[in-house]
Protein backbone atom coordinates (compact mmCIF):
# COMPACT_ATOMS: atom_id res chain seq x y z
CA MET A 1 -82.02 -63.23 -89.33
CA PHE A 2 -79.69 -62.88 -92.30
CA ASN A 3 -81.69 -59.94 -93.66
CA ARG A 4 -81.50 -58.23 -90.25
CA LEU A 5 -77.72 -58.61 -90.15
CA LYS A 6 -77.49 -57.37 -93.71
CA ASN A 7 -79.43 -54.25 -92.79
CA ILE A 8 -77.17 -53.54 -89.80
CA TYR A 9 -74.07 -53.98 -92.02
CA GLN A 10 -75.50 -51.58 -94.56
CA LEU A 11 -76.20 -49.01 -91.85
CA ILE A 12 -72.62 -49.26 -90.57
CA LYS A 13 -71.29 -48.99 -94.11
CA ASN A 14 -73.42 -45.91 -94.74
CA LEU A 15 -72.29 -44.42 -91.43
CA ASN A 16 -68.62 -44.99 -92.26
CA PHE A 17 -69.13 -43.41 -95.65
CA SER A 18 -70.84 -40.37 -94.02
CA VAL A 19 -68.00 -39.92 -91.51
CA GLU A 20 -65.34 -40.11 -94.22
CA ASN A 21 -67.33 -37.75 -96.38
CA TYR A 22 -67.68 -35.30 -93.42
CA LYS A 23 -63.91 -35.39 -92.91
CA LYS A 24 -63.31 -34.60 -96.55
CA GLU A 25 -65.89 -31.82 -96.53
CA ALA A 26 -64.42 -30.39 -93.33
CA ILE A 27 -60.99 -30.20 -94.89
CA VAL A 28 -62.42 -28.61 -98.00
CA GLN A 29 -64.31 -26.07 -95.89
CA SER A 30 -61.65 -25.11 -93.37
CA LEU A 31 -58.84 -24.42 -95.81
CA PRO A 32 -60.62 -21.69 -97.79
CA VAL A 33 -61.95 -20.09 -94.57
CA VAL A 34 -58.51 -19.93 -92.95
CA ALA A 35 -57.01 -18.65 -96.17
CA GLY A 36 -59.76 -16.05 -96.45
CA VAL A 37 -59.23 -14.87 -92.86
CA ASN A 38 -55.47 -14.57 -93.45
CA ARG A 39 -56.02 -12.55 -96.63
CA ALA A 40 -58.56 -10.34 -94.82
CA LYS A 41 -56.15 -9.71 -91.91
CA LYS A 42 -53.50 -8.39 -94.31
CA LEU A 43 -56.05 -6.13 -95.99
CA ILE A 44 -57.26 -4.83 -92.60
CA GLU A 45 -53.66 -3.94 -91.70
CA LYS A 46 -53.55 -1.88 -94.91
CA LYS A 47 -56.94 -0.30 -94.02
CA ARG A 48 -58.54 -1.81 -97.14
CA TYR A 49 -61.69 -2.60 -95.23
CA ASP A 50 -64.13 -3.01 -98.12
CA GLU A 51 -62.00 -5.73 -99.77
CA ALA A 52 -61.44 -7.49 -96.45
CA GLU A 53 -65.15 -7.40 -95.64
CA GLU A 54 -66.05 -8.89 -99.05
CA ILE A 55 -63.67 -11.84 -98.52
CA LEU A 56 -64.97 -12.49 -94.99
CA LEU A 57 -68.63 -12.37 -96.03
CA LYS A 58 -67.90 -14.92 -98.77
CA SER A 59 -66.17 -17.09 -96.15
CA LEU A 60 -69.41 -17.15 -94.15
CA ASP A 61 -71.05 -18.89 -97.11
CA ILE A 62 -68.62 -21.74 -96.53
CA ALA A 63 -68.70 -21.92 -92.71
CA GLN A 64 -69.95 -20.02 -89.67
CA ASP A 65 -66.46 -19.47 -88.25
CA ALA A 66 -65.54 -17.58 -85.05
CA LEU A 67 -62.52 -15.91 -86.68
CA VAL A 68 -64.59 -14.67 -89.61
CA TYR A 69 -67.03 -12.95 -87.23
CA LYS A 70 -64.14 -11.66 -85.13
CA TYR A 71 -62.50 -9.87 -88.07
CA LEU A 72 -65.81 -8.60 -89.37
CA GLY A 73 -66.19 -7.09 -85.90
CA LYS A 74 -62.74 -5.51 -86.18
CA ILE A 75 -63.67 -3.91 -89.49
CA SER A 76 -66.90 -2.49 -88.01
CA GLU A 77 -64.96 -1.22 -85.01
CA GLU A 78 -62.41 0.51 -87.25
CA ARG A 79 -65.31 2.19 -89.04
CA SER A 80 -66.76 3.26 -85.64
CA GLN A 81 -69.85 1.13 -86.36
CA PHE A 82 -69.84 -0.14 -82.80
CA LYS A 83 -73.30 -1.71 -82.64
CA GLN A 84 -72.56 -3.71 -85.80
CA ALA A 85 -69.23 -4.72 -84.24
CA VAL A 86 -71.07 -5.92 -81.14
CA ASP A 87 -73.32 -8.15 -83.29
CA TYR A 88 -70.31 -9.77 -84.94
CA TYR A 89 -68.40 -10.18 -81.67
CA VAL A 90 -71.42 -11.81 -80.01
CA LYS A 91 -71.57 -14.39 -82.80
CA SER A 92 -67.84 -15.01 -82.50
CA CYS A 93 -68.14 -15.50 -78.73
CA LEU A 94 -70.95 -18.03 -79.16
CA ILE A 95 -68.73 -20.18 -81.40
CA ASN A 96 -65.47 -19.70 -79.46
CA PRO A 97 -66.07 -18.26 -75.96
CA GLU A 98 -62.41 -18.86 -74.96
CA ASP A 99 -60.87 -16.32 -77.34
CA LYS A 100 -58.54 -14.18 -75.20
CA GLU A 101 -59.18 -10.98 -77.11
CA ILE A 102 -62.81 -11.15 -78.17
CA TRP A 103 -64.46 -10.38 -74.82
CA LEU A 104 -62.36 -7.24 -74.36
CA ARG A 105 -63.25 -5.95 -77.83
CA ARG A 106 -66.89 -6.85 -77.32
CA GLY A 107 -66.93 -5.04 -73.98
CA MET A 108 -65.37 -1.91 -75.47
CA CYS A 109 -67.82 -1.80 -78.37
CA GLU A 110 -70.76 -2.34 -76.00
CA LEU A 111 -69.39 0.53 -73.95
CA TYR A 112 -69.20 2.80 -77.02
CA SER A 113 -72.73 1.72 -77.98
CA GLY A 114 -74.18 2.73 -74.60
CA LEU A 115 -74.76 -0.90 -73.57
CA PHE A 116 -73.06 -0.36 -70.22
CA GLU A 117 -74.53 -3.28 -68.26
CA ASN A 118 -73.68 -5.67 -71.13
CA SER A 119 -70.15 -4.32 -71.31
CA ILE A 120 -69.63 -5.03 -67.60
CA LEU A 121 -70.59 -8.67 -68.17
CA SER A 122 -68.19 -8.85 -71.14
CA PHE A 123 -65.31 -7.44 -69.07
CA GLU A 124 -66.09 -9.97 -66.32
CA ASN A 125 -65.79 -12.79 -68.89
CA ALA A 126 -62.62 -11.24 -70.29
CA ASN A 127 -61.10 -11.14 -66.82
CA HIS A 128 -62.05 -14.79 -66.24
CA ILE A 129 -60.20 -15.84 -69.40
CA THR A 130 -57.29 -13.37 -69.07
CA PRO A 131 -56.88 -12.30 -65.42
CA ASN A 132 -54.89 -9.21 -64.43
CA ASN A 133 -55.10 -7.45 -67.77
CA THR A 134 -54.74 -3.68 -67.41
CA ASP A 135 -56.84 -2.93 -70.53
CA ILE A 136 -59.72 -5.08 -69.29
CA TYR A 137 -59.81 -3.29 -65.94
CA THR A 138 -59.62 0.10 -67.64
CA GLY A 139 -62.61 -0.69 -69.86
CA TRP A 140 -64.43 -2.21 -66.91
CA GLY A 141 -63.94 1.00 -64.93
CA MET A 142 -65.14 3.07 -67.86
CA ALA A 143 -68.40 1.09 -67.96
CA TYR A 144 -69.00 1.72 -64.25
CA MET A 145 -68.10 5.38 -64.76
CA ARG A 146 -70.75 5.74 -67.46
CA LEU A 147 -73.28 4.21 -65.07
CA LYS A 148 -72.19 6.84 -62.49
CA LYS A 149 -71.03 4.09 -60.13
CA TYR A 150 -67.93 6.08 -59.34
CA ALA A 151 -66.64 4.05 -56.38
CA HIS A 152 -66.70 0.81 -58.45
CA ALA A 153 -65.10 2.65 -61.37
CA LYS A 154 -62.31 3.99 -59.15
CA ASP A 155 -61.52 0.49 -57.86
CA LYS A 156 -61.20 -0.87 -61.41
CA PHE A 157 -58.98 2.00 -62.53
CA LEU A 158 -56.73 1.64 -59.50
CA THR A 159 -56.38 -2.09 -60.21
CA ALA A 160 -55.52 -1.33 -63.84
CA ALA A 161 -52.83 1.11 -62.67
CA ARG A 162 -51.43 -1.44 -60.19
CA ILE A 163 -51.15 -4.02 -62.96
CA ASN A 164 -49.33 -1.53 -65.19
CA LYS A 165 -47.88 1.58 -63.61
CA TYR A 166 -47.51 3.09 -67.08
CA ASN A 167 -51.26 2.92 -67.73
CA TYR A 168 -51.63 6.69 -67.48
CA THR A 169 -55.21 6.56 -68.75
CA ALA A 170 -56.21 4.45 -65.74
CA ILE A 171 -54.37 6.81 -63.37
CA LEU A 172 -56.09 9.81 -64.93
CA LEU A 173 -59.54 8.22 -64.76
CA SER A 174 -59.04 7.12 -61.16
CA ALA A 175 -58.21 10.76 -60.33
CA VAL A 176 -61.39 11.87 -62.10
CA MET A 177 -63.42 9.39 -60.04
CA GLU A 178 -61.78 10.58 -56.82
CA ARG A 179 -62.64 14.16 -57.74
CA ARG A 180 -66.26 13.18 -58.28
CA LEU A 181 -66.27 11.31 -54.98
CA GLY A 182 -64.88 14.37 -53.19
CA ASP A 183 -61.44 12.86 -52.44
CA TYR A 184 -59.63 15.95 -53.71
CA ASN A 185 -56.29 15.33 -52.03
CA SER A 186 -55.85 11.89 -53.58
CA ALA A 187 -56.99 13.19 -56.96
CA GLU A 188 -54.47 16.03 -56.72
CA GLU A 189 -51.58 13.65 -56.00
CA LYS A 190 -52.34 11.67 -59.15
CA LEU A 191 -52.82 14.73 -61.32
CA GLN A 192 -49.60 16.33 -60.04
CA PHE A 193 -47.82 13.12 -61.05
CA LEU A 194 -49.44 13.01 -64.49
CA VAL A 195 -48.70 16.62 -65.48
CA LYS A 196 -45.04 15.91 -64.69
CA VAL A 197 -44.56 12.48 -66.32
CA ALA A 198 -47.32 12.42 -68.96
CA PRO A 199 -48.36 16.00 -69.71
CA ASN A 200 -51.15 16.25 -72.26
CA GLU A 201 -54.39 18.14 -72.77
CA SER A 202 -56.39 15.66 -70.67
CA SER A 203 -54.16 15.71 -67.60
CA TYR A 204 -53.86 19.51 -67.71
CA TYR A 205 -57.61 19.92 -68.22
CA GLU A 206 -58.50 17.63 -65.32
CA TYR A 207 -56.01 19.40 -63.06
CA ALA A 208 -57.53 22.75 -64.07
CA ASN A 209 -60.99 21.35 -63.30
CA LEU A 210 -59.87 20.21 -59.84
CA LYS A 211 -58.30 23.61 -59.12
CA LEU A 212 -61.54 25.30 -60.19
CA ILE A 213 -63.55 23.14 -57.79
CA LYS A 214 -61.11 24.04 -55.00
CA SER A 215 -61.52 27.76 -55.87
CA ASP A 216 -57.83 28.02 -56.76
CA TYR A 217 -58.70 30.19 -59.75
CA ASP A 218 -55.18 31.37 -60.61
CA ASN A 219 -53.81 27.83 -60.97
CA ALA A 220 -56.99 26.66 -62.68
CA GLU A 221 -56.36 29.34 -65.30
CA VAL A 222 -52.73 28.27 -65.72
CA TYR A 223 -53.57 24.59 -66.31
CA ALA A 224 -56.54 25.30 -68.58
CA LYS A 225 -54.27 27.44 -70.77
CA LYS A 226 -51.69 24.62 -70.84
CA ALA A 227 -54.40 22.22 -72.02
CA LEU A 228 -55.17 24.60 -74.88
CA GLU A 229 -51.48 24.81 -75.77
CA PHE A 230 -51.65 21.07 -76.45
CA ASN A 231 -55.00 21.21 -78.20
CA LYS A 232 -56.74 24.41 -79.26
CA GLN A 233 -59.85 22.36 -80.05
CA MET A 234 -60.40 21.31 -76.43
CA LEU A 235 -63.73 23.05 -75.86
CA PRO A 236 -64.13 22.22 -72.12
CA ALA A 237 -60.89 24.11 -71.38
CA TYR A 238 -62.46 27.27 -72.83
CA PHE A 239 -65.45 26.72 -70.53
CA ILE A 240 -63.18 26.52 -67.48
CA LEU A 241 -61.54 29.80 -68.45
CA GLY A 242 -64.93 31.42 -69.09
CA GLU A 243 -66.11 30.33 -65.67
CA ILE A 244 -62.93 31.55 -63.96
CA TYR A 245 -63.06 34.98 -65.60
CA SER A 246 -66.76 35.41 -64.86
CA ILE A 247 -66.29 34.40 -61.21
CA LYS A 248 -63.43 36.93 -61.00
CA LYS A 249 -65.74 39.52 -62.64
CA GLU A 250 -63.35 40.02 -65.55
CA SER A 251 -65.98 40.78 -68.16
CA LYS A 252 -63.68 41.56 -71.08
CA LYS A 253 -61.65 38.36 -70.67
CA THR A 254 -64.86 36.35 -70.31
CA HIS A 255 -66.21 37.47 -73.67
CA GLU A 256 -62.82 37.19 -75.35
CA ILE A 257 -62.32 33.54 -74.38
CA PHE A 258 -65.68 32.44 -75.80
CA GLN A 259 -65.01 34.44 -78.97
CA THR A 260 -61.64 32.70 -79.27
CA ALA A 261 -63.41 29.33 -79.07
CA ILE A 262 -65.67 30.38 -81.95
CA GLU A 263 -62.65 31.49 -83.98
CA ASN A 264 -61.23 27.97 -83.47
CA ASP A 265 -64.35 26.45 -85.12
CA LEU A 266 -65.97 25.42 -81.83
CA ASP A 267 -69.26 27.27 -82.23
CA GLY A 268 -72.34 25.40 -81.07
CA SER A 269 -75.25 25.23 -78.65
CA ILE A 270 -73.19 24.21 -75.63
CA LEU A 271 -70.75 27.09 -76.19
CA HIS A 272 -73.54 29.69 -76.21
CA PHE A 273 -75.10 28.08 -73.14
CA GLU A 274 -71.81 28.29 -71.22
CA TRP A 275 -71.34 31.86 -72.44
CA GLY A 276 -74.81 32.71 -71.14
CA LYS A 277 -74.00 31.14 -67.76
CA ALA A 278 -70.87 33.29 -67.54
CA CYS A 279 -72.97 36.39 -68.29
CA VAL A 280 -75.36 35.45 -65.46
CA ARG A 281 -72.37 35.37 -63.08
CA LEU A 282 -71.42 38.80 -64.41
CA LEU A 283 -75.03 39.93 -63.74
CA ASP A 284 -75.34 40.82 -67.42
CA PHE A 285 -78.78 39.30 -67.89
CA GLY A 286 -79.44 40.94 -71.26
CA THR A 287 -76.42 39.30 -72.90
CA ALA A 288 -77.16 36.05 -71.06
CA LYS A 289 -80.65 35.98 -72.57
CA LYS A 290 -79.21 36.53 -76.05
CA GLU A 291 -76.75 33.63 -75.66
CA PHE A 292 -79.34 31.22 -74.23
CA LEU A 293 -81.71 32.00 -77.09
CA ILE A 294 -78.94 31.29 -79.63
CA ALA A 295 -78.35 27.93 -77.91
CA LEU A 296 -82.07 27.10 -78.13
CA LYS A 297 -82.25 28.22 -81.74
CA ASN A 298 -79.47 25.76 -82.58
CA GLU A 299 -80.96 22.98 -80.42
CA GLU A 300 -84.65 23.38 -79.67
CA ASN A 301 -84.83 20.73 -76.92
CA PHE A 302 -81.65 21.75 -75.09
CA VAL A 303 -82.92 21.27 -71.52
CA ASP A 304 -80.06 23.12 -69.80
CA ALA A 305 -80.64 26.20 -71.95
CA LYS A 306 -84.37 25.98 -71.22
CA THR A 307 -83.75 25.96 -67.46
CA ALA A 308 -81.53 29.02 -67.86
CA MET A 309 -84.25 30.79 -69.83
CA ALA A 310 -86.74 29.95 -67.07
CA LEU A 311 -84.63 32.17 -64.80
CA ILE A 312 -84.38 34.97 -67.35
CA TYR A 313 -88.15 34.91 -67.88
CA ALA A 314 -88.70 34.86 -64.09
CA TYR A 315 -86.89 38.22 -63.89
CA GLU A 316 -89.56 39.43 -66.32
CA ASN A 317 -92.33 38.01 -64.07
CA ASN A 318 -93.03 35.30 -66.63
CA PHE A 319 -93.18 31.93 -64.84
CA GLU A 320 -94.68 29.74 -67.56
CA LEU A 321 -91.43 27.95 -68.45
CA LEU A 322 -90.56 27.60 -64.75
CA ASN A 323 -93.86 25.83 -64.10
CA GLU A 324 -93.13 23.44 -66.97
CA LEU A 325 -89.61 22.55 -65.79
CA TYR A 326 -89.76 22.78 -61.99
CA GLU A 327 -90.76 19.23 -61.07
CA LYS A 328 -87.98 17.47 -63.01
CA ASN A 329 -85.29 20.12 -62.44
CA SER A 330 -85.83 21.28 -58.86
CA ALA A 331 -82.15 20.67 -57.99
CA ASN A 332 -81.00 23.10 -60.70
CA VAL A 333 -79.73 26.41 -59.31
CA TYR A 334 -81.46 28.47 -62.02
CA ILE A 335 -84.77 26.78 -61.30
CA GLN A 336 -84.32 27.36 -57.56
CA GLU A 337 -83.62 31.06 -58.08
CA ALA A 338 -86.54 31.38 -60.50
CA GLN A 339 -88.85 29.71 -57.98
CA GLY A 340 -87.64 32.17 -55.33
CA LEU A 341 -88.54 35.03 -57.66
CA LYS A 342 -91.97 33.52 -58.16
CA TYR A 343 -92.51 33.37 -54.39
CA CYS A 344 -91.42 37.01 -54.16
CA PHE A 345 -93.92 37.94 -56.86
CA GLU A 346 -96.60 36.15 -54.82
CA ASN A 347 -95.37 37.93 -51.64
CA ASN A 348 -94.64 34.53 -50.09
CA LEU A 349 -91.44 35.80 -48.49
CA ASP A 350 -90.72 32.88 -46.15
CA ARG A 351 -90.75 30.40 -49.04
CA ALA A 352 -88.71 32.82 -51.15
CA ILE A 353 -86.04 32.95 -48.43
CA GLU A 354 -85.93 29.13 -48.32
CA MET A 355 -85.51 28.92 -52.08
CA PHE A 356 -82.80 31.60 -52.37
CA LYS A 357 -80.84 30.00 -49.52
CA MET A 358 -81.15 26.64 -51.27
CA ALA A 359 -79.82 28.23 -54.47
CA VAL A 360 -76.67 29.66 -52.83
CA LYS A 361 -76.10 26.29 -51.18
CA THR A 362 -76.31 24.65 -54.60
CA ASP A 363 -73.90 27.18 -56.15
CA ALA A 364 -72.31 29.96 -54.10
CA ASN A 365 -71.18 31.66 -57.32
CA GLN A 366 -74.83 32.24 -58.23
CA SER A 367 -74.45 35.33 -56.09
CA TYR A 368 -77.49 37.39 -57.11
CA ASN A 369 -79.38 35.29 -54.59
CA TYR A 370 -77.59 37.19 -51.82
CA LEU A 371 -79.07 40.43 -53.13
CA HIS A 372 -82.53 38.82 -53.27
CA LEU A 373 -82.15 37.76 -49.63
CA ALA A 374 -80.97 41.24 -48.61
CA ASN A 375 -84.02 42.82 -50.24
CA ILE A 376 -86.43 40.37 -48.58
CA TYR A 377 -84.96 40.96 -45.13
CA LYS A 378 -85.09 44.71 -45.86
CA LYS A 379 -88.84 44.31 -46.42
CA LEU A 380 -89.12 42.34 -43.19
CA GLY A 381 -87.22 45.03 -41.26
CA ASP A 382 -84.45 42.65 -40.16
CA ILE A 383 -81.46 45.03 -40.07
CA SER A 384 -78.88 42.41 -39.10
CA LYS A 385 -79.82 39.93 -41.86
CA THR A 386 -80.19 42.67 -44.45
CA LYS A 387 -76.68 43.89 -43.72
CA GLU A 388 -75.30 40.34 -43.71
CA TYR A 389 -76.56 39.55 -47.20
CA PHE A 390 -75.73 42.94 -48.67
CA GLU A 391 -72.18 42.43 -47.42
CA LYS A 392 -71.97 38.96 -48.98
CA PHE A 393 -73.24 40.34 -52.25
CA VAL A 394 -70.88 43.30 -52.59
CA GLN A 395 -67.86 41.26 -51.47
CA ILE A 396 -68.39 38.93 -54.43
CA ASN A 397 -69.67 41.55 -56.87
CA TYR A 398 -67.22 44.33 -56.10
CA HIS A 399 -67.56 45.70 -59.65
CA TYR A 400 -71.35 45.90 -59.63
CA ILE A 401 -72.31 49.54 -59.04
CA ASN A 402 -76.02 48.89 -58.48
CA GLY A 403 -75.18 46.60 -55.56
CA PHE A 404 -73.29 49.36 -53.78
CA LEU A 405 -76.03 51.85 -54.64
CA GLU A 406 -78.81 49.67 -53.25
CA TYR A 407 -76.77 48.96 -50.13
CA ALA A 408 -75.98 52.66 -49.61
CA LYS A 409 -79.60 53.75 -50.07
CA TRP A 410 -80.71 51.26 -47.45
CA LEU A 411 -77.96 52.39 -45.05
CA ILE A 412 -79.12 55.98 -45.53
CA SER A 413 -82.70 54.89 -44.79
CA ILE A 414 -81.57 53.49 -41.41
CA GLU A 415 -79.37 56.57 -40.85
CA ASP A 416 -76.07 54.69 -40.98
CA TYR A 417 -74.43 57.52 -42.93
CA ALA A 418 -70.84 56.58 -42.18
CA ASP A 419 -71.19 53.09 -43.72
CA ALA A 420 -73.27 54.49 -46.57
CA GLN A 421 -70.44 56.92 -47.34
CA ARG A 422 -67.93 54.03 -47.46
CA LYS A 423 -70.09 52.10 -49.93
CA LEU A 424 -70.63 55.18 -52.09
CA ARG A 425 -66.88 55.87 -52.16
CA LYS A 426 -66.35 52.36 -53.62
CA ALA A 427 -69.09 52.99 -56.17
CA GLU A 428 -67.56 56.35 -57.08
CA HIS A 429 -64.22 54.67 -57.66
CA LEU A 430 -65.93 52.37 -60.21
CA GLU A 431 -67.86 55.16 -61.91
CA PRO A 432 -66.54 58.64 -61.02
CA GLU A 433 -69.09 60.56 -63.10
CA ASN A 434 -72.25 58.81 -61.92
CA LEU A 435 -74.59 61.65 -60.83
CA GLU A 436 -76.70 59.49 -58.53
CA ILE A 437 -73.59 58.36 -56.65
CA LEU A 438 -72.23 61.90 -56.36
CA ASN A 439 -75.54 63.30 -55.07
CA LEU A 440 -75.95 60.56 -52.47
CA LEU A 441 -72.31 60.89 -51.47
CA PHE A 442 -72.85 64.60 -50.83
CA LEU A 443 -75.95 63.81 -48.75
CA THR A 444 -74.02 61.40 -46.48
CA GLN A 445 -71.09 63.82 -46.19
CA TYR A 446 -73.41 66.73 -45.38
CA THR A 447 -75.16 64.73 -42.63
CA LEU A 448 -71.86 63.60 -41.13
CA VAL A 449 -70.42 67.12 -41.28
CA LYS A 450 -73.39 68.46 -39.36
CA ASN A 451 -72.54 65.98 -36.60
CA ASN A 452 -68.79 66.55 -36.74
CA VAL A 453 -67.86 69.91 -38.23
CA SER A 454 -64.34 70.32 -39.58
CA GLU A 455 -62.93 72.35 -42.43
CA TYR A 456 -61.60 69.24 -44.18
CA ASN A 457 -64.97 67.43 -44.05
CA VAL A 458 -66.84 70.50 -45.30
CA LYS A 459 -64.46 70.90 -48.23
CA GLU A 460 -64.79 67.18 -49.12
CA ALA A 461 -68.60 67.49 -49.20
CA LEU A 462 -68.48 70.64 -51.28
CA SER A 463 -66.10 68.91 -53.70
CA SER A 464 -68.71 66.19 -54.33
CA ALA A 465 -71.36 68.89 -54.84
CA GLN A 466 -69.14 70.71 -57.31
CA LYS A 467 -68.51 67.52 -59.33
CA ALA A 468 -72.25 66.88 -59.58
CA GLU A 469 -72.95 70.47 -60.63
CA ASN A 470 -70.24 70.33 -63.30
CA LEU A 471 -71.82 67.16 -64.70
CA GLY A 472 -75.22 68.83 -64.94
CA ARG A 473 -77.36 67.74 -61.98
CA PHE A 474 -77.20 68.53 -58.29
CA ASP A 475 -80.16 67.89 -55.96
CA TYR A 476 -79.13 69.49 -52.64
CA LYS A 477 -78.56 73.20 -53.27
CA ALA A 478 -79.90 74.35 -49.89
CA GLU A 479 -77.62 71.91 -48.07
CA LYS A 480 -74.67 73.05 -50.18
CA GLN A 481 -75.39 76.67 -49.25
CA ASP A 482 -75.53 75.65 -45.61
CA LEU A 483 -72.05 74.11 -45.86
CA GLU A 484 -70.66 77.15 -47.65
CA ASN A 485 -71.90 79.31 -44.78
CA ILE A 486 -70.29 76.94 -42.26
CA LEU A 487 -67.00 77.06 -44.19
CA THR A 488 -67.11 80.88 -44.25
CA ASN A 489 -67.62 80.93 -40.48
CA ILE A 490 -64.74 78.48 -39.94
CA GLN A 491 -62.35 80.41 -42.13
CA GLY A 492 -63.46 83.74 -40.62
CA LYS A 493 -62.54 82.70 -37.08
């Protein structure tokens, strides 16, 4: 019995000694760790990250402390080593999950690392610990935005802006989400507010983007230029201007704006791809091909440039790249147009019509599809549809001579000489010394004169003939002689 009691006493004595020893050890451990963290914090403030990191790593040899991991995370974040920062923040959270700041920083670094679902969970925890924090809701919205859950993102950004009306980032991002959701009026209200109270390259750029979507090209140009006044390195603003100028068929300005971007050290694959897209809108397929090939040379697996080249090759009756890309990119306007060309090549005109109509629905500015449709309906003998799509094409491409020429030739073929003459007059205005235009113009004038003889009309027709002769080629000498005889008879009466 005595021995048993003695053993129990010894156990208690040993336990008491262990507890006291633990207390001493804990004091010995905690003081250097806290001191190390404080020294590291001062070094971090001075951006002396290597020294701070060395102190903190030595502190980990003493104790696995939440603050040590937290400040190691801060150092990694300052170095833009976001995945490393996430690892440190996770360890800090496991030790002290109630830190008011750590979940926000963890969420942001997960966001920057592409760990969007994880970042959402971190922002949820951050909000649980620190409710109604504008920064948490902004980051939360950004995570949803990256997941393309735009409605959820908008709600978070709006909440962030309600918490702090001076959170202009949240207001801007909520406007961006509204634009993507098609709520243009609400987006415009916010962007109008921002360009007045917080003008910067981002607010001006987003407003320019909205104006472009709404086809308000003049104001889109104004705001894109304002964005570049703030920041000449803002590449997307150059793309907006390139798109505007190409839609407006201002070829010189289109090429100048992309060249300006290159002069501002913004050369790269995406720039040449956007330049090529602008050339497609200008119907300059040769230059477009050159730009797309430069983009692919710089970045071999650039899918967008490949889809654009599929269209260029389709114009050359080469459908190999189209066949490779079609299944995964069938919603792309270039792929749709290329597939329409393939159906034309196969004489599958009904399917070609479907595809070209789908393409103009996808992007009305991809206007060459209207000419494709006009030519198909011309083959099918549908006069009404042919005229409809020729009209749509020349209204958009009012500087494209070949469009007017093709339209006029078809009108002549159906003996609509009066309308053919109108189209040829527009073409002549664009290129006064084009012999084909002058010869066809004389033909329409001659035919109309024969149906409605007047001295003025005869002289107009003979003037076109004379211009063609002076330039070296005139195809209707017998008809010209006929008009000269008519004019002699008129003047002799």
